[in-house]
Amino acid sequence: MPTLHIPESLSAFAGHQQTLSLPGTTVAELLAALTDRFPELARHLLRETGEPRRYVCVYLNDVDIRGLQGVATPVEEADTLVVVPSIAGG
């Protein structure tokens, strides 16, 4: 199964896990599997359409999915998906 990494700042919404193996053949399916398993994450990561929120970057094997096929990007068994929300402050 593909591996998904979420930052420590959001791990409290995922049972304090930062690395998960989830089923899916596209980025959308992986994100859906994540938010189905941990519904509290959905409001932090996704819009109602299932697309990542504007301030959330998703990388597939170190490549931003916005430069690929977005959430329709295919995912292979050995792939790694990293979710990175922007952090603001000053």
N, C-alpha and C. Protein backbone atom coordinates (compact mmCIF):
# COMPACT_ATOMS: atom_id res chain seq x y z
N MET A 1 0.83 -1.19 0.00
CA MET A 1 0.00 0.00 0.00
C MET A 1 0.88 1.25 0.00
N PRO A 2 0.41 2.30 -0.63
CA PRO A 2 1.15 3.57 -0.59
C PRO A 2 1.25 4.08 0.85
N THR A 3 2.28 4.86 1.09
CA THR A 3 2.51 5.44 2.41
C THR A 3 2.13 6.91 2.38
N LEU A 4 1.46 7.36 3.43
CA LEU A 4 1.06 8.75 3.53
C LEU A 4 1.65 9.33 4.81
N HIS A 5 2.27 10.50 4.69
CA HIS A 5 2.87 11.20 5.83
C HIS A 5 2.09 12.47 6.09
N ILE A 6 1.74 12.68 7.37
CA ILE A 6 1.12 13.93 7.76
C ILE A 6 2.01 14.59 8.82
N PRO A 7 1.97 15.91 8.92
CA PRO A 7 2.85 16.59 9.86
C PRO A 7 2.41 16.38 11.31
N GLU A 8 3.35 16.55 12.19
CA GLU A 8 3.08 16.40 13.62
C GLU A 8 1.95 17.33 14.06
N SER A 9 1.87 18.50 13.47
CA SER A 9 0.84 19.47 13.85
C SER A 9 -0.57 18.95 13.63
N LEU A 10 -0.75 17.98 12.75
CA LEU A 10 -2.07 17.40 12.49
C LEU A 10 -2.21 15.98 13.02
N SER A 11 -1.15 15.43 13.58
CA SER A 11 -1.19 14.03 14.01
C SER A 11 -2.18 13.78 15.13
N ALA A 12 -2.50 14.79 15.92
CA ALA A 12 -3.49 14.61 16.99
C ALA A 12 -4.86 14.22 16.42
N PHE A 13 -5.14 14.62 15.18
CA PHE A 13 -6.40 14.27 14.52
C PHE A 13 -6.33 12.90 13.85
N ALA A 14 -5.15 12.27 13.89
CA ALA A 14 -4.95 10.96 13.26
C ALA A 14 -4.41 9.95 14.27
N GLY A 15 -4.91 10.03 15.50
CA GLY A 15 -4.46 9.08 16.51
C GLY A 15 -2.98 9.19 16.82
N HIS A 16 -2.43 10.38 16.67
CA HIS A 16 -1.01 10.67 16.90
C HIS A 16 -0.08 9.87 15.99
N GLN A 17 -0.60 9.52 14.83
CA GLN A 17 0.21 8.83 13.82
C GLN A 17 0.65 9.85 12.77
N GLN A 18 1.87 9.72 12.31
CA GLN A 18 2.36 10.60 11.27
C GLN A 18 2.60 9.85 9.96
N THR A 19 2.70 8.54 10.03
CA THR A 19 2.92 7.73 8.84
C THR A 19 1.88 6.62 8.82
N LEU A 20 1.19 6.52 7.69
CA LEU A 20 0.14 5.52 7.55
C LEU A 20 0.25 4.85 6.20
N SER A 21 -0.12 3.61 6.13
CA SER A 21 -0.26 2.90 4.86
C SER A 21 -1.75 2.81 4.59
N LEU A 22 -2.16 3.34 3.43
CA LEU A 22 -3.57 3.40 3.10
C LEU A 22 -3.82 2.87 1.70
N PRO A 23 -5.01 2.31 1.47
CA PRO A 23 -5.33 1.82 0.13
C PRO A 23 -5.72 2.96 -0.80
N GLY A 24 -5.43 2.78 -2.07
CA GLY A 24 -5.84 3.76 -3.06
C GLY A 24 -4.99 3.68 -4.31
N THR A 25 -5.59 4.05 -5.42
CA THR A 25 -4.85 4.04 -6.69
C THR A 25 -4.68 5.45 -7.26
N THR A 26 -5.30 6.43 -6.59
CA THR A 26 -5.12 7.84 -6.96
C THR A 26 -4.91 8.65 -5.68
N VAL A 27 -4.43 9.86 -5.84
CA VAL A 27 -4.27 10.75 -4.69
C VAL A 27 -5.63 10.96 -4.03
N ALA A 28 -6.67 11.15 -4.81
CA ALA A 28 -8.02 11.36 -4.26
C ALA A 28 -8.45 10.18 -3.39
N GLU A 29 -8.18 8.97 -3.85
CA GLU A 29 -8.56 7.79 -3.07
C GLU A 29 -7.78 7.70 -1.77
N LEU A 30 -6.49 8.06 -1.81
CA LEU A 30 -5.69 8.05 -0.57
C LEU A 30 -6.20 9.09 0.41
N LEU A 31 -6.47 10.29 -0.06
CA LEU A 31 -6.98 11.33 0.83
C LEU A 31 -8.35 10.96 1.38
N ALA A 32 -9.18 10.33 0.56
CA ALA A 32 -10.49 9.88 1.03
C ALA A 32 -10.34 8.78 2.09
N ALA A 33 -9.41 7.86 1.88
CA ALA A 33 -9.17 6.80 2.87
C ALA A 33 -8.69 7.41 4.18
N LEU A 34 -7.84 8.42 4.09
CA LEU A 34 -7.33 9.09 5.29
C LEU A 34 -8.46 9.77 6.04
N THR A 35 -9.28 10.55 5.34
CA THR A 35 -10.34 11.30 6.02
C THR A 35 -11.52 10.41 6.41
N ASP A 36 -11.70 9.28 5.75
CA ASP A 36 -12.71 8.32 6.21
C ASP A 36 -12.28 7.71 7.54
N ARG A 37 -11.01 7.43 7.63
CA ARG A 37 -10.46 6.83 8.86
C ARG A 37 -10.37 7.84 9.99
N PHE A 38 -10.04 9.08 9.65
CA PHE A 38 -9.89 10.16 10.64
C PHE A 38 -10.69 11.38 10.16
N PRO A 39 -12.00 11.37 10.36
CA PRO A 39 -12.86 12.43 9.83
C PRO A 39 -12.48 13.85 10.26
N GLU A 40 -11.90 14.03 11.43
CA GLU A 40 -11.51 15.36 11.89
C GLU A 40 -10.46 16.00 10.98
N LEU A 41 -9.70 15.20 10.27
CA LEU A 41 -8.68 15.74 9.36
C LEU A 41 -9.29 16.43 8.14
N ALA A 42 -10.47 16.00 7.76
CA ALA A 42 -11.09 16.52 6.53
C ALA A 42 -11.19 18.04 6.55
N ARG A 43 -11.64 18.61 7.65
CA ARG A 43 -11.82 20.07 7.69
C ARG A 43 -10.50 20.82 7.64
N HIS A 44 -9.42 20.17 8.00
CA HIS A 44 -8.11 20.80 7.97
C HIS A 44 -7.43 20.67 6.60
N LEU A 45 -7.78 19.63 5.86
CA LEU A 45 -7.06 19.32 4.62
C LEU A 45 -7.84 19.55 3.34
N LEU A 46 -9.14 19.26 3.36
CA LEU A 46 -9.89 19.21 2.10
C LEU A 46 -11.05 20.18 2.03
N ARG A 47 -11.32 20.62 0.80
CA ARG A 47 -12.54 21.37 0.52
C ARG A 47 -13.67 20.38 0.37
N GLU A 48 -14.88 20.85 0.28
CA GLU A 48 -16.05 19.98 0.11
C GLU A 48 -15.96 19.16 -1.17
N THR A 49 -15.20 19.64 -2.14
CA THR A 49 -15.05 18.95 -3.42
C THR A 49 -14.07 17.78 -3.36
N GLY A 50 -13.36 17.65 -2.22
CA GLY A 50 -12.34 16.61 -2.11
C GLY A 50 -10.96 17.08 -2.53
N GLU A 51 -10.88 18.30 -3.05
CA GLU A 51 -9.59 18.89 -3.42
C GLU A 51 -8.91 19.41 -2.17
N PRO A 52 -7.57 19.40 -2.14
CA PRO A 52 -6.88 19.99 -0.99
C PRO A 52 -7.21 21.47 -0.86
N ARG A 53 -7.28 21.93 0.37
CA ARG A 53 -7.49 23.36 0.60
C ARG A 53 -6.33 24.14 -0.01
N ARG A 54 -6.55 25.39 -0.28
CA ARG A 54 -5.57 26.24 -0.95
C ARG A 54 -4.22 26.25 -0.23
N TYR A 55 -4.24 26.22 1.07
CA TYR A 55 -3.01 26.30 1.86
C TYR A 55 -2.38 24.94 2.17
N VAL A 56 -2.92 23.89 1.60
CA VAL A 56 -2.38 22.54 1.81
C VAL A 56 -1.66 22.08 0.54
N CYS A 57 -0.40 21.72 0.69
CA CYS A 57 0.36 21.16 -0.43
C CYS A 57 0.44 19.65 -0.26
N VAL A 58 0.29 18.95 -1.37
CA VAL A 58 0.38 17.50 -1.36
C VAL A 58 1.46 17.10 -2.36
N TYR A 59 2.40 16.31 -1.90
CA TYR A 59 3.52 15.88 -2.73
C TYR A 59 3.48 14.37 -2.91
N LEU A 60 3.65 13.94 -4.14
CA LEU A 60 3.77 12.53 -4.46
C LEU A 60 5.21 12.29 -4.86
N ASN A 61 5.91 11.55 -4.04
CA ASN A 61 7.33 11.28 -4.29
C ASN A 61 8.10 12.59 -4.55
N ASP A 62 7.88 13.58 -3.70
CA ASP A 62 8.56 14.88 -3.73
C ASP A 62 8.13 15.79 -4.88
N VAL A 63 7.06 15.46 -5.58
CA VAL A 63 6.56 16.30 -6.68
C VAL A 63 5.17 16.80 -6.29
N ASP A 64 4.98 18.11 -6.35
CA ASP A 64 3.68 18.72 -6.01
C ASP A 64 2.63 18.19 -6.99
N ILE A 65 1.51 17.69 -6.46
CA ILE A 65 0.49 17.11 -7.34
C ILE A 65 -0.15 18.14 -8.25
N ARG A 66 -0.02 19.44 -7.90
CA ARG A 66 -0.58 20.48 -8.77
C ARG A 66 0.15 20.51 -10.11
N GLY A 67 1.38 20.04 -10.16
CA GLY A 67 2.13 19.97 -11.41
C GLY A 67 1.93 18.65 -12.12
N LEU A 68 1.16 17.76 -11.50
CA LEU A 68 0.85 16.46 -12.11
C LEU A 68 -0.61 16.52 -12.56
N GLN A 69 -1.41 15.57 -12.12
CA GLN A 69 -2.82 15.53 -12.48
C GLN A 69 -3.73 15.88 -11.30
N GLY A 70 -3.19 16.61 -10.33
CA GLY A 70 -3.97 16.96 -9.15
C GLY A 70 -4.35 15.71 -8.38
N VAL A 71 -5.56 15.71 -7.83
CA VAL A 71 -6.00 14.54 -7.05
C VAL A 71 -6.27 13.32 -7.92
N ALA A 72 -6.33 13.50 -9.24
CA ALA A 72 -6.52 12.37 -10.15
C ALA A 72 -5.20 11.65 -10.45
N THR A 73 -4.10 12.14 -9.90
CA THR A 73 -2.78 11.54 -10.14
C THR A 73 -2.77 10.09 -9.67
N PRO A 74 -2.36 9.16 -10.53
CA PRO A 74 -2.27 7.76 -10.12
C PRO A 74 -1.19 7.54 -9.07
N VAL A 75 -1.42 6.58 -8.20
CA VAL A 75 -0.49 6.25 -7.13
C VAL A 75 -0.17 4.76 -7.21
N GLU A 76 1.11 4.44 -7.09
CA GLU A 76 1.57 3.05 -7.11
C GLU A 76 1.79 2.55 -5.68
N GLU A 77 1.90 1.25 -5.53
CA GLU A 77 2.09 0.63 -4.21
C GLU A 77 3.27 1.19 -3.43
N ALA A 78 4.37 1.48 -4.09
CA ALA A 78 5.60 1.91 -3.40
C ALA A 78 5.70 3.43 -3.25
N ASP A 79 4.67 4.16 -3.67
CA ASP A 79 4.72 5.62 -3.63
C ASP A 79 4.54 6.17 -2.22
N THR A 80 5.01 7.42 -2.07
CA THR A 80 4.87 8.14 -0.80
C THR A 80 4.16 9.46 -1.06
N LEU A 81 3.13 9.72 -0.28
CA LEU A 81 2.37 10.95 -0.36
C LEU A 81 2.63 11.73 0.92
N VAL A 82 2.97 13.01 0.77
CA VAL A 82 3.25 13.87 1.92
C VAL A 82 2.29 15.04 1.88
N VAL A 83 1.61 15.27 3.00
CA VAL A 83 0.67 16.38 3.14
C VAL A 83 1.33 17.45 3.99
N VAL A 84 1.40 18.70 3.44
CA VAL A 84 2.08 19.78 4.15
C VAL A 84 1.17 21.02 4.16
N PRO A 85 0.57 21.32 5.32
CA PRO A 85 -0.19 22.57 5.39
C PRO A 85 0.72 23.76 5.58
N SER A 86 0.37 24.90 5.01
CA SER A 86 1.14 26.11 5.21
C SER A 86 0.99 26.56 6.66
N ILE A 87 2.05 27.14 7.16
CA ILE A 87 2.02 27.67 8.53
C ILE A 87 2.28 29.17 8.44
N ALA A 88 1.38 29.95 9.00
CA ALA A 88 1.52 31.40 8.97
C ALA A 88 1.87 31.89 10.36
N GLY A 89 2.45 33.00 10.41
CA GLY A 89 2.78 33.58 11.71
C GLY A 89 3.83 34.66 11.54
N GLY A 90 4.19 35.21 12.63
CA GLY A 90 5.18 36.27 12.50
C GLY A 90 5.79 36.62 13.83
